[in-house]
Amino acid sequence: MSRTVFCRKYQQELEALPFPPLPGKKGQEIQANVSKQAWEEWQALQTRLINEKHLNMLDPEARAYLNEQMERFLDNRETDQAEGYVPPER
């Protein structure tokens, strides 16, 4: 059986990440408080933001922007969206 965490985004017990997604204390905090589902959803949004806004990940301002968006996403606050993005129909 897989490990679970109380996900800060979904406020329920969900499957945990198998390893910290980032180095250091921040990665450990995310692994302990963010579900695998929420992290995968964040990664998809992050990819759209990087691509649509042409973010340069070598730019400290772009990294700070993404970090802010990640915190907003995981706290269920409004985040920027990729302009023109239409979610696929299910």
C-alpha atoms as a PDB file:
ATOM      1  CA  MET A   1       0.000   0.000   0.000  1.00  0.00           C
ATOM      2  CA  SER A   2       1.313   3.452  -0.882  1.00  0.00           C
ATOM      3  CA  ARG A   3       1.971   6.142   1.697  1.00  0.00           C
ATOM      4  CA  THR A   4      -0.576   8.947   2.081  1.00  0.00           C
ATOM      5  CA  VAL A   5      -0.395  12.579   3.211  1.00  0.00           C
ATOM      6  CA  PHE A   6      -2.993  15.124   4.227  1.00  0.00           C
ATOM      7  CA  CYS A   7      -2.834  17.270   1.090  1.00  0.00           C
ATOM      8  CA  ARG A   8      -2.777  21.013   1.712  1.00  0.00           C
ATOM      9  CA  LYS A   9      -4.496  21.673  -1.638  1.00  0.00           C
ATOM     10  CA  TYR A  10      -7.311  19.120  -1.411  1.00  0.00           C
ATOM     11  CA  GLN A  11      -7.610  18.977   2.403  1.00  0.00           C
ATOM     12  CA  GLN A  12      -7.839  15.195   2.439  1.00  0.00           C
ATOM     13  CA  GLU A  13      -5.653  12.106   2.690  1.00  0.00           C
ATOM     14  CA  LEU A  14      -4.248  11.278  -0.736  1.00  0.00           C
ATOM     15  CA  GLU A  15      -1.339   9.333  -2.191  1.00  0.00           C
ATOM     16  CA  ALA A  16       2.015  10.875  -1.253  1.00  0.00           C
ATOM     17  CA  LEU A  17       4.916  11.756  -3.507  1.00  0.00           C
ATOM     18  CA  PRO A  18       7.484   8.925  -3.531  1.00  0.00           C
ATOM     19  CA  PHE A  19      10.407  11.356  -3.040  1.00  0.00           C
ATOM     20  CA  PRO A  20      10.924  15.095  -2.459  1.00  0.00           C
ATOM     21  CA  PRO A  21      10.297  16.947  -5.758  1.00  0.00           C
ATOM     22  CA  LEU A  22      12.782  19.725  -4.940  1.00  0.00           C
ATOM     23  CA  PRO A  23      16.107  19.714  -3.105  1.00  0.00           C
ATOM     24  CA  GLY A  24      16.438  20.711   0.532  1.00  0.00           C
ATOM     25  CA  LYS A  25      13.918  21.680   3.147  1.00  0.00           C
ATOM     26  CA  LYS A  26      11.361  22.964   0.601  1.00  0.00           C
ATOM     27  CA  GLY A  27      11.261  19.586  -1.146  1.00  0.00           C
ATOM     28  CA  GLN A  28      10.794  17.756   2.153  1.00  0.00           C
ATOM     29  CA  GLU A  29       7.979  20.139   3.118  1.00  0.00           C
ATOM     30  CA  ILE A  30       6.228  19.540  -0.213  1.00  0.00           C
ATOM     31  CA  GLN A  31       6.609  15.764   0.094  1.00  0.00           C
ATOM     32  CA  ALA A  32       5.095  15.874   3.595  1.00  0.00           C
ATOM     33  CA  ASN A  33       2.134  18.142   2.734  1.00  0.00           C
ATOM     34  CA  VAL A  34       1.299  17.836  -0.964  1.00  0.00           C
ATOM     35  CA  SER A  35      -0.276  14.841  -2.681  1.00  0.00           C
ATOM     36  CA  LYS A  36       1.012  13.222  -5.828  1.00  0.00           C
ATOM     37  CA  GLN A  37      -2.163  14.361  -7.636  1.00  0.00           C
ATOM     38  CA  ALA A  38      -1.728  18.011  -6.615  1.00  0.00           C
ATOM     39  CA  TRP A  39       1.977  17.990  -7.563  1.00  0.00           C
ATOM     40  CA  GLU A  40       1.236  16.518 -11.004  1.00  0.00           C
ATOM     41  CA  GLU A  41      -1.422  19.181 -11.565  1.00  0.00           C
ATOM     42  CA  TRP A  42       1.053  21.884 -10.514  1.00  0.00           C
ATOM     43  CA  GLN A  43       3.674  20.509 -12.918  1.00  0.00           C
ATOM     44  CA  ALA A  44       1.183  20.723 -15.793  1.00  0.00           C
ATOM     45  CA  LEU A  45       0.311  24.346 -14.919  1.00  0.00           C
ATOM     46  CA  GLN A  46       3.993  25.195 -14.467  1.00  0.00           C
ATOM     47  CA  THR A  47       4.791  23.816 -17.925  1.00  0.00           C
ATOM     48  CA  ARG A  48       1.989  25.870 -19.502  1.00  0.00           C
ATOM     49  CA  LEU A  49       3.165  29.032 -17.730  1.00  0.00           C
ATOM     50  CA  ILE A  50       6.787  28.517 -18.785  1.00  0.00           C
ATOM     51  CA  ASN A  51       5.823  27.864 -22.395  1.00  0.00           C
ATOM     52  CA  GLU A  52       3.118  30.475 -22.863  1.00  0.00           C
ATOM     53  CA  LYS A  53       4.896  33.257 -20.993  1.00  0.00           C
ATOM     54  CA  HIS A  54       8.301  32.343 -22.489  1.00  0.00           C
ATOM     55  CA  LEU A  55       9.931  32.190 -19.061  1.00  0.00           C
ATOM     56  CA  ASN A  56      13.703  31.817 -18.927  1.00  0.00           C
ATOM     57  CA  MET A  57      14.468  29.492 -16.023  1.00  0.00           C
ATOM     58  CA  LEU A  58      17.957  30.985 -15.714  1.00  0.00           C
ATOM     59  CA  ASP A  59      16.318  34.297 -14.741  1.00  0.00           C
ATOM     60  CA  PRO A  60      15.912  34.602 -10.940  1.00  0.00           C
ATOM     61  CA  GLU A  61      12.766  36.709 -11.428  1.00  0.00           C
ATOM     62  CA  ALA A  62      11.151  33.959 -13.516  1.00  0.00           C
ATOM     63  CA  ARG A  63      11.993  31.358 -10.861  1.00  0.00           C
ATOM     64  CA  ALA A  64      10.588  33.617  -8.117  1.00  0.00           C
ATOM     65  CA  TYR A  65       7.425  34.131 -10.185  1.00  0.00           C
ATOM     66  CA  LEU A  66       6.951  30.363 -10.571  1.00  0.00           C
ATOM     67  CA  ASN A  67       7.595  29.791  -6.873  1.00  0.00           C
ATOM     68  CA  GLU A  68       4.905  32.358  -6.029  1.00  0.00           C
ATOM     69  CA  GLN A  69       2.486  30.717  -8.478  1.00  0.00           C
ATOM     70  CA  MET A  70       3.232  27.287  -6.976  1.00  0.00           C
ATOM     71  CA  GLU A  71       2.444  28.525  -3.444  1.00  0.00           C
ATOM     72  CA  ARG A  72      -0.772  30.143  -4.685  1.00  0.00           C
ATOM     73  CA  PHE A  73      -1.793  26.946  -6.531  1.00  0.00           C
ATOM     74  CA  LEU A  74      -1.103  24.693  -3.548  1.00  0.00           C
ATOM     75  CA  ASP A  75      -2.992  27.057  -1.211  1.00  0.00           C
ATOM     76  CA  ASN A  76      -6.045  27.127  -3.516  1.00  0.00           C
ATOM     77  CA  ARG A  77      -5.600  30.796  -4.316  1.00  0.00           C
ATOM     78  CA  GLU A  78      -6.031  32.251  -7.793  1.00  0.00           C
ATOM     79  CA  THR A  79      -3.070  31.696 -10.107  1.00  0.00           C
ATOM     80  CA  ASP A  80      -2.114  33.115 -13.460  1.00  0.00           C
ATOM     81  CA  GLN A  81      -3.224  31.028 -16.399  1.00  0.00           C
ATOM     82  CA  ALA A  82      -1.619  30.546 -19.764  1.00  0.00           C
ATOM     83  CA  GLU A  83      -3.432  32.942 -22.078  1.00  0.00           C
ATOM     84  CA  GLY A  84      -5.485  31.173 -24.694  1.00  0.00           C
ATOM     85  CA  TYR A  85      -5.290  27.807 -22.922  1.00  0.00           C
ATOM     86  CA  VAL A  86      -8.427  25.716 -23.257  1.00  0.00           C
ATOM     87  CA  PRO A  87      -8.506  22.584 -21.079  1.00  0.00           C
ATOM     88  CA  PRO A  88      -9.153  19.364 -22.987  1.00  0.00           C
ATOM     89  CA  GLU A  89     -12.670  17.983 -22.808  1.00  0.00           C
ATOM     90  CA  ARG A  90     -13.007  14.836 -20.720  1.00  0.00           C
END
